Amino acid sequence: MKKKHIINFSALLLGLMCLNVQGVQAKPNYIEAPALSKVIKTSVGEVKQGEIQIPLITWGADVRTIYANGNARTTRNSSIFDNLGLKLRLKREDDFKRQIENYLSGKSPYLRGTLGMINMASEVLSKDARTKPIVIYQLSESAGGDALVVKKGINSAKDLRGKTIALQAYGPHVDYLAKILLDAGLSMSDVKLRWLADLTGTDNSPMAAMYESNIDAVLVIIPDALALTSGGNVGTGSEDSVLGARILLSTKTANRIIADVYAVRADYYKSHTAKVKNFVHGLMMARDDVKRIIANKASDSKNYRGLMRTSAEVLLDSAEALPDAEALYTDANHVDHNGNVKFFTQKNYSRNFSRRNTEIQSALVQIGLLSRSTELAKADWNFADFTQGLSSVGVAEAPRFNEREVASIVAKKQQQDTLADGELFSFEVFFKPNQNSFPVDLYKDAFSRVISLASTYGGAIIAIEGHSDPLGYLKQKKKGSSEVVLKRVKQSAKNLSLTRSNAVRSAVIEFAKAQNILLDESQFATVGHGIGKPKNGMCAAEPCAPKTDAEWRDNMRVEFRIIQVEAEASVFQPL
């Protein structure tokens, strides 16, 4: 299937795409990507009365919209939406610019896209007070459907500095890239961007660009990522793969960057608040129902088949593509009532609506997709009004990792000195001699950064690695102490470094709790290196002696390392 898309596909759609770019000689046609305010010229019209058109995109979260409508394009009697007094017509529209035109002209009061895409359109949509977008609901986070694929020599996000990266213009990956760069201490100005018209399936897509020698990395949907990397490993250069290409980071790890949302026109929100509210409530109810149906598909095969057949027909143009429709669904983390409360109202949550908008708009202004920051409004919901009919309210998220497996993997990496393999980001904090506690007043910035990274990269392990000063050991060795004494000093230093890393872990978790942020404790692993990895290096088999006071103090450190472990299937437990 060769088709233009501007959103995510499931990994299991690979067989449908049948793309063999290497057999095509045509070069990608790179395009300019001016601000949408310079591209969209549609005049503003009044919203059409009667049956309301609701845009869908080819993404798993839209399965719930179909279900709420009665597994039909037009609202079916006794469906969730019908019971809430809504009469809707669902229309898939993957071309975001066309969605914007429909929205401005009044064909639909709703806009469906990622938060980044809504922000890209915020300037043009806010020219008229009637069409100013109000974000009303978060459907999902991409949790496996999107990936950053890199060529040989790029081993961590910081290695992207100065590289040329291809991605779709006005698509879902602009803010994805911006956040990765930000967390690596870089910005969009540190890389060269090459824009393409399509997301997948054509010669003008990022996958096609990856075959060009002057392209270092691409943002792609997961089927293309798998093809480029020989099934998610390292590209062999055969078939559709690129020699040495690998997935640096996918949304299975970076699972809180690409947020899918609905927005509504300000005039419609004001004049039809009750209907907009019922639309949101219906989507929340459908989220819980769909999760239950898919979890019990063996015993509830009738409902499951009815849901998936219609979803496959509407989203994939084939009622028989049931496995692919479900795969679309599983590539998303479906945000429930609790998640929407957190997203829209929790001020201390680092991935909330306000903070994401600030990050996104800063990046968009930097690359000229916005001329200035434009406030993006959100609905003023009382979320307690939405609890009726929901089963997910108050249900805590289960741990996403197997702690025993995490500890085993980290211990193995420590023994093999491969903790840097799979590293996405790392940074250090320092302590004083004989320090065993880490008070918030001294480490608040570092702890806040850890919380932000843990919240953004919920599929990564965070290793907290303690190091000790080797000077005491070296003095004992110089004195001619016995091997027994030297071993005891080494072990004591290792124990102390592990104690410190555990103290830091506890301090971070307690700091988060004090801000009403619950971290997934299973995500954190502690390591004690002792004197085995001094900052100033090893001299033969022993730590090098520090030559200055600065070198001595640099060894008193704890390192935070964010590690991708997607390949370790026994470690990560998807929702």
Protein backbone atom coordinates (compact mmCIF):
# COMPACT_ATOMS: atom_id res chain seq x y z
CA MET A 1 0.00 0.00 0.00
CA LYS A 2 1.60 3.24 -1.12
CA LYS A 3 -0.20 6.04 0.60
CA LYS A 4 0.58 9.43 2.08
CA HIS A 5 0.37 9.61 5.86
CA ILE A 6 1.26 12.17 8.44
CA ILE A 7 0.82 10.02 11.50
CA ASN A 8 2.02 6.70 12.91
CA PHE A 9 1.53 3.15 11.70
CA SER A 10 1.87 -0.14 13.57
CA ALA A 11 4.92 -2.30 13.11
CA LEU A 12 2.68 -5.04 11.75
CA LEU A 13 1.73 -2.90 8.78
CA LEU A 14 5.14 -3.59 7.24
CA GLY A 15 3.73 -6.30 5.04
CA LEU A 16 1.11 -3.93 3.67
CA MET A 17 3.51 -1.23 2.60
CA CYS A 18 5.63 -3.18 0.10
CA LEU A 19 8.17 -0.40 -0.26
CA ASN A 20 11.49 -1.20 -1.89
CA VAL A 21 13.17 2.14 -2.11
CA GLN A 22 16.57 0.73 -3.01
CA GLY A 23 15.15 -0.39 -6.30
CA VAL A 24 14.04 3.14 -7.08
CA GLN A 25 16.58 5.52 -8.64
CA ALA A 26 14.64 8.71 -8.01
CA LYS A 27 16.18 11.08 -5.47
CA PRO A 28 14.01 12.42 -2.64
CA ASN A 29 12.55 15.82 -3.41
CA TYR A 30 13.33 17.94 -0.36
CA ILE A 31 10.97 20.83 0.24
CA GLU A 32 10.81 24.05 2.18
CA ALA A 33 8.67 24.10 5.32
CA PRO A 34 7.47 27.65 5.97
CA ALA A 35 5.11 28.43 8.82
CA LEU A 36 1.58 27.12 8.22
CA SER A 37 0.35 30.71 8.49
CA LYS A 38 2.08 31.29 5.14
CA VAL A 39 0.68 28.12 3.57
CA ILE A 40 -2.96 27.99 4.69
CA LYS A 41 -5.17 30.60 3.00
CA THR A 42 -8.64 29.22 3.74
CA SER A 43 -11.19 31.80 4.86
CA VAL A 44 -13.11 31.31 8.09
CA GLY A 45 -16.67 30.01 7.85
CA GLU A 46 -19.41 29.14 10.31
CA VAL A 47 -19.60 25.58 11.62
CA LYS A 48 -22.13 23.50 9.69
CA GLN A 49 -25.21 22.65 11.70
CA GLY A 50 -26.70 19.20 12.20
CA GLU A 51 -24.53 16.09 12.07
CA ILE A 52 -21.01 17.08 13.19
CA GLN A 53 -17.97 15.81 11.30
CA ILE A 54 -15.23 14.31 13.50
CA PRO A 55 -11.77 13.83 11.97
CA LEU A 56 -9.87 10.61 12.57
CA ILE A 57 -6.31 9.71 11.71
CA THR A 58 -4.80 6.30 11.08
CA TRP A 59 -3.73 5.66 14.64
CA GLY A 60 -4.73 3.17 17.34
CA ALA A 61 -6.28 5.70 19.72
CA ASP A 62 -8.93 6.45 17.09
CA VAL A 63 -10.32 2.94 17.59
CA ARG A 64 -12.09 4.26 20.68
CA THR A 65 -13.79 7.04 18.70
CA ILE A 66 -15.12 4.41 16.31
CA TYR A 67 -16.33 2.28 19.22
CA ALA A 68 -18.03 5.23 20.95
CA ASN A 69 -19.88 5.92 17.69
CA GLY A 70 -21.30 2.39 17.69
CA ASN A 71 -18.65 0.81 15.40
CA ALA A 72 -19.99 2.93 12.58
CA ARG A 73 -19.06 6.03 10.59
CA THR A 74 -22.40 7.64 11.47
CA THR A 75 -23.58 7.54 15.08
CA ARG A 76 -25.53 4.34 15.69
CA ASN A 77 -28.55 4.11 17.97
CA SER A 78 -27.73 3.11 21.59
CA SER A 79 -24.01 3.79 21.11
CA ILE A 80 -22.09 5.75 23.72
CA PHE A 81 -22.26 8.94 21.67
CA ASP A 82 -25.96 8.44 20.90
CA ASN A 83 -26.75 7.95 24.59
CA LEU A 84 -24.96 11.24 25.25
CA GLY A 85 -27.14 13.04 22.70
CA LEU A 86 -24.51 13.34 19.95
CA LYS A 87 -24.96 12.84 16.21
CA LEU A 88 -21.55 12.54 14.57
CA ARG A 89 -20.01 11.50 11.27
CA LEU A 90 -16.49 10.12 11.38
CA LYS A 91 -14.11 10.97 8.55
CA ARG A 92 -10.52 9.82 8.35
CA GLU A 93 -8.29 12.69 7.30
CA ASP A 94 -4.56 12.01 7.46
CA ASP A 95 -3.64 15.17 5.58
CA PHE A 96 -3.25 17.67 8.40
CA LYS A 97 -3.32 20.70 6.13
CA ARG A 98 -6.68 19.52 4.74
CA GLN A 99 -7.91 19.03 8.30
CA ILE A 100 -6.98 22.64 9.04
CA GLU A 101 -8.83 23.83 5.95
CA ASN A 102 -11.95 21.88 6.97
CA TYR A 103 -11.68 23.32 10.47
CA LEU A 104 -11.33 26.90 9.29
CA SER A 105 -14.10 26.65 6.71
CA GLY A 106 -16.53 25.17 9.24
CA LYS A 107 -16.83 21.66 7.80
CA SER A 108 -15.72 20.38 11.21
CA PRO A 109 -15.27 22.22 14.50
CA TYR A 110 -12.72 19.63 15.64
CA LEU A 111 -9.04 19.10 14.91
CA ARG A 112 -7.25 15.79 15.46
CA GLY A 113 -3.48 15.57 15.66
CA THR A 114 -0.46 15.45 17.90
CA LEU A 115 0.12 18.27 20.35
CA GLY A 116 3.08 19.31 18.24
CA MET A 117 0.94 19.53 15.11
CA ILE A 118 -1.74 21.58 16.90
CA ASN A 119 1.00 23.94 18.05
CA MET A 120 2.31 24.22 14.47
CA ALA A 121 -1.15 25.38 13.42
CA SER A 122 -1.80 27.59 16.46
CA GLU A 123 -0.65 30.81 14.78
CA VAL A 124 -2.80 30.49 11.68
CA LEU A 125 -5.79 29.23 13.69
CA SER A 126 -5.57 32.09 16.18
CA LYS A 127 -5.79 34.84 13.55
CA ASP A 128 -9.57 34.76 14.00
CA ALA A 129 -10.97 34.53 17.54
CA ARG A 130 -13.63 32.10 16.33
CA THR A 131 -11.14 29.44 15.29
CA LYS A 132 -8.65 29.71 18.13
CA PRO A 133 -8.01 26.07 19.10
CA ILE A 134 -8.91 24.80 22.55
CA VAL A 135 -7.35 21.45 23.42
CA ILE A 136 -10.03 19.36 25.08
CA TYR A 137 -8.69 15.83 25.49
CA GLN A 138 -5.58 13.67 25.33
CA LEU A 139 -6.19 10.32 23.69
CA SER A 140 -2.79 8.66 23.82
CA GLU A 141 0.98 8.75 23.79
CA SER A 142 2.94 7.03 21.04
CA ALA A 143 4.48 3.98 22.72
CA GLY A 144 6.28 2.13 19.96
CA GLY A 145 5.08 3.47 16.63
CA ASP A 146 7.83 6.01 15.89
CA ALA A 147 11.61 5.90 15.81
CA LEU A 148 14.82 7.84 15.27
CA VAL A 149 17.08 5.79 12.98
CA VAL A 150 20.76 6.73 12.74
CA LYS A 151 23.77 5.70 10.71
CA LYS A 152 27.02 4.28 12.03
CA GLY A 153 28.96 6.56 14.35
CA ILE A 154 25.95 8.06 16.15
CA ASN A 155 25.89 6.30 19.50
CA SER A 156 23.91 8.69 21.67
CA ALA A 157 21.66 11.71 21.27
CA LYS A 158 24.53 14.14 21.85
CA ASP A 159 26.26 12.70 18.74
CA LEU A 160 23.52 14.31 16.60
CA ARG A 161 25.29 17.67 16.84
CA GLY A 162 26.11 18.87 13.32
CA LYS A 163 24.27 15.98 11.66
CA THR A 164 21.73 16.16 8.83
CA ILE A 165 18.32 14.75 9.76
CA ALA A 166 15.39 14.10 7.41
CA LEU A 167 11.77 14.20 8.59
CA GLN A 168 8.30 14.94 7.32
CA ALA A 169 7.24 18.58 7.11
CA TYR A 170 4.30 19.42 9.44
CA GLY A 171 4.27 15.83 10.69
CA PRO A 172 4.34 14.16 14.11
CA HIS A 173 8.10 14.01 14.52
CA VAL A 174 9.12 17.66 14.73
CA ASP A 175 8.60 17.99 18.48
CA TYR A 176 9.86 14.42 18.98
CA LEU A 177 13.23 15.44 17.57
CA ALA A 178 13.19 18.74 19.45
CA LYS A 179 12.72 17.01 22.81
CA ILE A 180 15.48 14.46 22.16
CA LEU A 181 17.89 17.25 21.28
CA LEU A 182 16.84 19.32 24.28
CA ASP A 183 17.51 16.46 26.68
CA ALA A 184 20.93 15.95 25.10
CA GLY A 185 21.82 19.59 25.73
CA LEU A 186 21.32 20.50 22.06
CA SER A 187 18.79 22.52 20.10
CA MET A 188 17.26 22.42 16.63
CA SER A 189 19.93 24.88 15.48
CA ASP A 190 22.60 22.26 16.25
CA VAL A 191 21.38 20.01 13.42
CA LYS A 192 20.54 20.47 9.75
CA LEU A 193 16.94 19.62 8.88
CA ARG A 194 15.81 18.30 5.50
CA TRP A 195 12.04 18.35 4.99
CA LEU A 196 9.99 15.85 2.99
CA ALA A 197 6.35 15.94 1.92
CA ASP A 198 5.38 12.40 2.94
CA LEU A 199 5.80 10.28 6.02
CA THR A 200 5.97 6.88 4.36
CA GLY A 201 5.43 4.84 1.23
CA THR A 202 6.91 7.19 -1.42
CA ASP A 203 10.25 8.39 -2.77
CA ASN A 204 9.65 11.64 -0.86
CA SER A 205 9.67 10.11 2.60
CA PRO A 206 12.34 9.97 5.34
CA MET A 207 12.90 6.27 4.69
CA ALA A 208 13.85 7.02 1.09
CA ALA A 209 16.17 9.81 2.28
CA MET A 210 18.09 7.41 4.53
CA TYR A 211 19.70 5.84 1.45
CA GLU A 212 21.32 9.17 0.59
CA SER A 213 24.95 9.55 1.68
CA ASN A 214 24.41 13.08 3.00
CA ILE A 215 21.63 12.06 5.43
CA ASP A 216 22.79 10.94 8.88
CA ALA A 217 19.47 10.18 10.58
CA VAL A 218 15.74 10.05 9.92
CA LEU A 219 12.51 10.16 11.90
CA VAL A 220 10.23 7.37 10.68
CA ILE A 221 7.31 5.17 11.62
CA ILE A 222 8.29 1.80 13.05
CA PRO A 223 7.72 -0.36 9.92
CA ASP A 224 10.22 1.81 8.04
CA ALA A 225 12.59 1.70 11.01
CA LEU A 226 12.50 -2.09 11.02
CA ALA A 227 13.15 -2.26 7.29
CA LEU A 228 16.10 0.13 7.50
CA THR A 229 17.71 -1.78 10.38
CA SER A 230 17.23 -5.40 9.26
CA GLY A 231 14.35 -6.04 11.63
CA GLY A 232 15.38 -3.72 14.43
CA ASN A 233 18.97 -4.89 14.71
CA VAL A 234 21.81 -3.31 12.70
CA GLY A 235 21.31 -2.81 8.98
CA THR A 236 23.23 -5.31 6.88
CA GLY A 237 22.82 -3.39 3.63
CA SER A 238 20.71 -6.15 2.09
CA GLU A 239 17.10 -5.89 1.03
CA ASP A 240 15.76 -2.50 2.25
CA SER A 241 18.28 -1.97 5.03
CA VAL A 242 21.09 0.58 5.24
CA LEU A 243 24.49 -0.76 6.26
CA GLY A 244 25.13 0.10 9.91
CA ALA A 245 21.76 1.77 10.48
CA ARG A 246 20.11 1.19 13.85
CA ILE A 247 17.27 2.52 15.95
CA LEU A 248 18.76 5.01 18.38
CA LEU A 249 15.46 5.69 20.10
CA SER A 250 11.84 4.70 19.57
CA THR A 251 8.69 5.79 21.36
CA LYS A 252 8.64 2.45 23.15
CA THR A 253 11.36 4.08 25.25
CA ALA A 254 10.48 7.76 24.71
CA ASN A 255 6.85 7.06 25.48
CA ARG A 256 5.76 10.50 26.67
CA ILE A 257 6.78 12.80 23.85
CA ILE A 258 4.22 12.40 21.05
CA ALA A 259 0.84 13.18 22.59
CA ASP A 260 -2.34 12.70 20.52
CA VAL A 261 -5.13 15.15 21.25
CA TYR A 262 -8.42 16.65 20.10
CA ALA A 263 -8.90 20.40 19.83
CA VAL A 264 -12.08 22.35 19.09
CA ARG A 265 -12.87 25.79 17.68
CA ALA A 266 -13.37 28.47 20.34
CA ASP A 267 -16.73 29.56 18.94
CA TYR A 268 -18.10 26.00 18.94
CA TYR A 269 -16.76 25.35 22.43
CA LYS A 270 -18.50 28.47 23.71
CA SER A 271 -21.86 27.81 22.02
CA HIS A 272 -21.92 24.02 22.42
CA THR A 273 -19.99 23.38 25.64
CA ALA A 274 -22.30 20.56 26.73
CA LYS A 275 -21.85 18.71 23.43
CA VAL A 276 -18.08 19.10 23.54
CA LYS A 277 -18.09 17.87 27.12
CA ASN A 278 -20.21 14.84 26.17
CA PHE A 279 -17.82 14.09 23.31
CA VAL A 280 -14.90 14.00 25.75
CA HIS A 281 -16.87 11.93 28.27
CA GLY A 282 -17.81 9.46 25.55
CA LEU A 283 -14.18 9.04 24.54
CA MET A 284 -13.23 8.37 28.16
CA MET A 285 -15.93 5.73 28.49
CA ALA A 286 -14.89 4.15 25.21
CA ARG A 287 -11.26 4.00 26.34
CA ASP A 288 -12.15 1.77 29.28
CA ASP A 289 -14.57 -0.39 27.26
CA VAL A 290 -12.13 -0.97 24.39
CA LYS A 291 -9.33 -1.92 26.79
CA ARG A 292 -11.62 -4.50 28.41
CA ILE A 293 -12.82 -5.89 25.06
CA ILE A 294 -9.30 -6.37 23.73
CA ALA A 295 -8.08 -7.87 27.01
CA ASN A 296 -10.96 -10.37 26.91
CA LYS A 297 -11.10 -10.96 23.17
CA ALA A 298 -11.08 -14.73 23.58
CA SER A 299 -14.23 -14.71 25.69
CA ASP A 300 -15.78 -11.64 24.10
CA SER A 301 -15.02 -12.48 20.47
CA LYS A 302 -18.25 -11.00 19.09
CA ASN A 303 -17.61 -7.50 20.43
CA TYR A 304 -13.91 -7.74 19.63
CA ARG A 305 -14.49 -8.76 16.03
CA GLY A 306 -17.14 -6.10 15.49
CA LEU A 307 -14.86 -3.41 16.87
CA MET A 308 -11.78 -4.48 14.94
CA ARG A 309 -13.54 -5.11 11.63
CA THR A 310 -15.00 -1.61 11.59
CA SER A 311 -11.73 -0.07 12.80
CA ALA A 312 -9.78 -1.91 10.10
CA GLU A 313 -12.24 -0.76 7.44
CA VAL A 314 -12.25 2.88 8.57
CA LEU A 315 -8.56 3.24 9.38
CA LEU A 316 -6.93 0.77 6.98
CA ASP A 317 -9.45 0.45 4.14
CA SER A 318 -9.84 -3.29 4.70
CA ALA A 319 -12.28 -4.94 7.09
CA GLU A 320 -10.07 -8.05 7.05
CA ALA A 321 -7.00 -6.30 8.48
CA LEU A 322 -7.92 -7.20 12.05
CA PRO A 323 -4.38 -8.03 13.28
CA ASP A 324 -3.09 -4.77 11.83
CA ALA A 325 -5.87 -2.76 13.47
CA GLU A 326 -5.06 -4.29 16.83
CA ALA A 327 -1.35 -3.65 16.26
CA LEU A 328 -2.18 0.00 15.68
CA TYR A 329 -3.99 -0.03 19.00
CA THR A 330 -1.07 -1.61 20.89
CA ASP A 331 1.42 0.95 19.54
CA ALA A 332 -0.28 3.56 21.70
CA ASN A 333 -0.42 4.12 25.43
CA HIS A 334 -4.12 4.92 25.82
CA VAL A 335 -4.49 7.77 28.29
CA ASP A 336 -7.31 7.31 30.77
CA HIS A 337 -9.20 9.74 33.01
CA ASN A 338 -6.32 9.81 35.52
CA GLY A 339 -3.84 10.56 32.75
CA ASN A 340 -5.93 13.47 31.48
CA VAL A 341 -6.14 14.93 34.98
CA LYS A 342 -2.37 14.64 35.25
CA PHE A 343 -1.75 16.06 31.76
CA PHE A 344 -4.03 19.08 32.08
CA THR A 345 -3.99 19.95 35.78
CA GLN A 346 -0.90 18.68 37.62
CA LYS A 347 1.44 21.68 37.76
CA ASN A 348 4.49 19.76 38.98
CA TYR A 349 4.25 17.03 36.33
CA SER A 350 7.12 17.64 33.89
CA ARG A 351 5.14 16.32 30.91
CA ASN A 352 2.01 18.35 31.50
CA PHE A 353 0.17 20.36 28.86
CA SER A 354 1.74 23.69 29.72
CA ARG A 355 5.35 22.50 29.89
CA ARG A 356 5.12 20.55 26.67
CA ASN A 357 3.68 23.55 24.85
CA THR A 358 6.56 25.72 26.06
CA GLU A 359 9.11 23.19 24.79
CA ILE A 360 7.32 22.66 21.49
CA GLN A 361 6.76 26.32 20.69
CA SER A 362 10.33 27.24 21.56
CA ALA A 363 11.56 24.69 19.01
CA LEU A 364 9.01 25.75 16.37
CA VAL A 365 9.99 29.41 16.68
CA GLN A 366 13.64 28.43 16.41
CA ILE A 367 13.12 26.75 13.04
CA GLY A 368 10.61 29.24 11.67
CA LEU A 369 7.43 27.15 11.91
CA LEU A 370 6.04 29.80 14.24
CA SER A 371 6.94 33.48 14.13
CA ARG A 372 6.37 33.81 17.85
CA SER A 373 5.03 31.85 20.78
CA THR A 374 1.23 31.70 20.76
CA GLU A 375 -0.69 30.64 23.86
CA LEU A 376 -2.52 27.37 23.30
CA ALA A 377 -5.72 27.19 25.33
CA LYS A 378 -7.13 24.17 27.12
CA ALA A 379 -10.66 23.37 28.17
CA ASP A 380 -11.64 24.41 31.66
CA TRP A 381 -12.94 20.99 32.67
CA ASN A 382 -13.90 19.82 36.13
CA PHE A 383 -12.69 16.27 35.64
CA ALA A 384 -14.88 15.01 38.47
CA ASP A 385 -17.79 15.51 36.04
CA PHE A 386 -16.43 12.73 33.82
CA THR A 387 -16.17 9.89 36.33
CA GLN A 388 -19.59 8.33 35.73
CA GLY A 389 -19.33 5.09 33.76
CA LEU A 390 -15.55 4.84 34.06
CA SER A 391 -13.66 1.89 35.51
CA SER A 392 -10.18 3.45 35.42
CA VAL A 393 -10.68 6.29 37.89
CA GLY A 394 -8.23 6.04 40.78
CA VAL A 395 -6.53 2.90 39.43
CA ALA A 396 -2.76 3.27 39.87
CA GLU A 397 -0.40 2.40 37.02
CA ALA A 398 1.33 -0.95 37.42
CA PRO A 399 5.17 -1.05 37.43
CA ARG A 400 6.44 -1.21 33.86
CA PHE A 401 9.63 -3.13 34.59
CA ASN A 402 10.60 -6.45 36.13
CA GLU A 403 12.89 -5.26 38.92
CA ARG A 404 14.74 -8.56 39.21
CA GLU A 405 15.51 -8.60 35.49
CA VAL A 406 16.55 -4.95 35.58
CA ALA A 407 19.01 -5.67 38.38
CA SER A 408 20.36 -8.69 36.49
CA ILE A 409 20.85 -6.77 33.24
CA VAL A 410 22.53 -3.83 34.97
CA ALA A 411 24.81 -6.15 36.96
CA LYS A 412 25.81 -7.93 33.76
CA LYS A 413 26.49 -4.62 32.00
CA GLN A 414 28.59 -3.50 34.96
CA GLN A 415 30.67 -6.70 34.86
CA GLN A 416 31.16 -6.40 31.11
CA ASP A 417 31.80 -2.64 31.32
CA THR A 418 29.00 -2.02 28.80
CA LEU A 419 26.73 0.32 30.78
CA ALA A 420 27.35 2.97 28.12
CA ASP A 421 25.86 0.68 25.45
CA GLY A 422 22.33 1.87 24.78
CA GLU A 423 22.95 5.11 26.65
CA LEU A 424 20.65 7.92 25.63
CA PHE A 425 21.69 10.60 28.09
CA SER A 426 23.94 10.90 31.12
CA PHE A 427 25.02 13.52 33.65
CA GLU A 428 26.75 13.66 37.02
CA VAL A 429 26.34 15.14 40.49
CA PHE A 430 29.16 15.54 42.98
CA PHE A 431 29.50 15.18 46.73
CA LYS A 432 31.91 16.13 49.50
CA PRO A 433 34.31 13.80 51.35
CA ASN A 434 32.46 11.55 53.81
CA GLN A 435 29.06 12.71 52.50
CA ASN A 436 26.33 10.05 52.63
CA SER A 437 23.14 12.12 52.29
CA PHE A 438 21.90 14.22 49.37
CA PRO A 439 19.71 17.07 50.58
CA VAL A 440 17.19 18.63 48.22
CA ASP A 441 18.50 22.16 48.71
CA LEU A 442 21.83 21.13 47.13
CA TYR A 443 20.53 18.75 44.46
CA LYS A 444 17.11 20.10 43.49
CA ASP A 445 18.07 20.87 39.87
CA ALA A 446 19.61 17.44 39.32
CA PHE A 447 16.67 15.66 40.95
CA SER A 448 14.23 17.66 38.82
CA ARG A 449 16.13 16.66 35.70
CA VAL A 450 16.00 12.98 36.68
CA ILE A 451 12.25 13.22 37.28
CA SER A 452 11.78 14.87 33.88
CA LEU A 453 13.82 12.19 32.09
CA ALA A 454 12.03 9.39 33.95
CA SER A 455 8.67 10.91 33.00
CA THR A 456 9.63 11.36 29.34
CA TYR A 457 11.51 8.11 28.74
CA GLY A 458 9.28 5.76 30.66
CA GLY A 459 10.59 2.76 28.71
CA ALA A 460 14.23 3.34 29.68
CA ILE A 461 16.21 2.17 32.70
CA ILE A 462 17.76 4.87 34.83
CA ALA A 463 21.02 3.61 36.29
CA ILE A 464 22.37 5.53 39.27
CA GLU A 465 26.09 4.81 39.44
CA GLY A 466 28.13 5.64 42.52
CA HIS A 467 31.89 6.27 42.39
CA SER A 468 34.46 6.58 45.17
CA ASP A 469 37.69 8.48 45.61
CA PRO A 470 40.71 6.13 45.08
CA LEU A 471 43.17 8.25 47.03
CA GLY A 472 42.83 6.28 50.29
CA TYR A 473 43.47 3.02 48.46
CA LEU A 474 46.50 4.46 46.64
CA LYS A 475 47.98 5.71 49.91
CA GLN A 476 47.61 2.24 51.44
CA LYS A 477 49.27 0.72 48.39
CA LYS A 478 52.15 3.23 48.59
CA LYS A 479 52.65 2.31 52.25
CA GLY A 480 53.09 -1.32 51.19
CA SER A 481 49.91 -2.65 52.80
CA SER A 482 49.13 -6.31 52.28
CA GLU A 483 46.81 -7.61 49.56
CA VAL A 484 44.26 -8.47 52.24
CA VAL A 485 44.16 -4.87 53.41
CA LEU A 486 44.04 -3.52 49.86
CA LYS A 487 41.15 -5.83 48.93
CA ARG A 488 39.30 -4.74 52.06
CA VAL A 489 39.79 -1.06 51.17
CA LYS A 490 38.56 -1.69 47.63
CA GLN A 491 35.49 -3.54 48.85
CA SER A 492 34.74 -0.86 51.41
CA ALA A 493 34.92 1.78 48.67
CA LYS A 494 32.59 -0.28 46.49
CA ASN A 495 30.11 -0.73 49.32
CA LEU A 496 30.22 2.98 50.08
CA SER A 497 29.62 3.91 46.44
CA LEU A 498 26.59 1.60 46.30
CA THR A 499 25.27 3.07 49.54
CA ARG A 500 25.55 6.52 48.01
CA SER A 501 23.78 5.52 44.80
CA ASN A 502 20.96 3.98 46.88
CA ALA A 503 20.77 7.18 48.95
CA VAL A 504 20.46 9.24 45.76
CA ARG A 505 17.74 6.94 44.42
CA SER A 506 15.74 7.30 47.65
CA ALA A 507 16.26 11.06 47.68
CA VAL A 508 14.98 11.43 44.10
CA ILE A 509 11.90 9.32 44.77
CA GLU A 510 11.09 11.18 48.00
CA PHE A 511 11.60 14.54 46.27
CA ALA A 512 9.12 13.47 43.58
CA LYS A 513 6.57 12.31 46.16
CA ALA A 514 6.82 15.66 47.93
CA GLN A 515 5.67 17.25 44.66
CA ASN A 516 2.85 14.73 44.27
CA ILE A 517 4.71 12.96 41.45
CA LEU A 518 4.79 9.18 41.63
CA LEU A 519 7.79 7.71 39.83
CA ASP A 520 7.91 4.11 38.69
CA GLU A 521 10.47 2.82 41.18
CA SER A 522 11.04 -0.30 39.07
CA GLN A 523 12.66 1.96 36.45
CA PHE A 524 15.65 2.75 38.67
CA ALA A 525 18.72 0.56 39.21
CA THR A 526 21.72 1.31 41.42
CA VAL A 527 25.37 0.50 40.81
CA GLY A 528 28.46 0.83 43.00
CA HIS A 529 31.67 1.13 40.98
CA GLY A 530 33.89 1.88 43.95
CA ILE A 531 37.29 3.06 42.71
CA GLY A 532 37.10 1.05 39.49
CA LYS A 533 36.18 3.91 37.14
CA PRO A 534 37.98 7.05 38.30
CA LYS A 535 37.36 10.28 36.45
CA ASN A 536 41.05 10.69 35.66
CA GLY A 537 41.37 7.15 34.28
CA MET A 538 43.27 3.96 35.02
CA CYS A 539 47.04 3.56 35.02
CA ALA A 540 47.60 -0.06 34.06
CA ALA A 541 45.43 -2.08 36.46
CA GLU A 542 45.21 0.63 39.13
CA PRO A 543 43.42 3.98 39.37
CA CYS A 544 45.58 6.90 38.34
CA ALA A 545 46.53 9.09 41.26
CA PRO A 546 44.81 12.49 41.18
CA LYS A 547 47.34 15.23 40.54
CA THR A 548 45.23 18.18 41.67
CA ASP A 549 42.54 18.98 44.19
CA ALA A 550 40.05 19.22 41.28
CA GLU A 551 40.91 15.73 40.02
CA TRP A 552 40.54 14.36 43.54
CA ARG A 553 37.09 15.94 43.99
CA ASP A 554 35.91 14.89 40.51
CA ASN A 555 36.07 11.25 41.62
CA MET A 556 33.45 11.89 44.30
CA ARG A 557 30.45 11.63 42.03
CA VAL A 558 27.21 9.89 41.23
CA GLU A 559 26.33 9.43 37.56
CA PHE A 560 22.81 9.19 36.16
CA ARG A 561 22.64 7.16 32.97
CA ILE A 562 19.41 6.74 30.95
CA ILE A 563 19.70 3.43 29.11
CA GLN A 564 17.52 2.03 26.34
CA VAL A 565 16.65 -1.63 26.95
CA GLU A 566 14.07 -2.34 24.26
CA ALA A 567 16.04 -5.36 23.06
CA GLU A 568 15.78 -6.91 26.53
CA ALA A 569 12.29 -8.34 26.13
CA SER A 570 12.28 -9.90 29.60
CA VAL A 571 12.94 -6.53 31.26
CA PHE A 572 10.31 -4.30 29.73
CA GLN A 573 6.66 -5.06 30.41
CA PRO A 574 4.43 -3.13 27.98
CA LEU A 575 1.03 -2.03 29.19
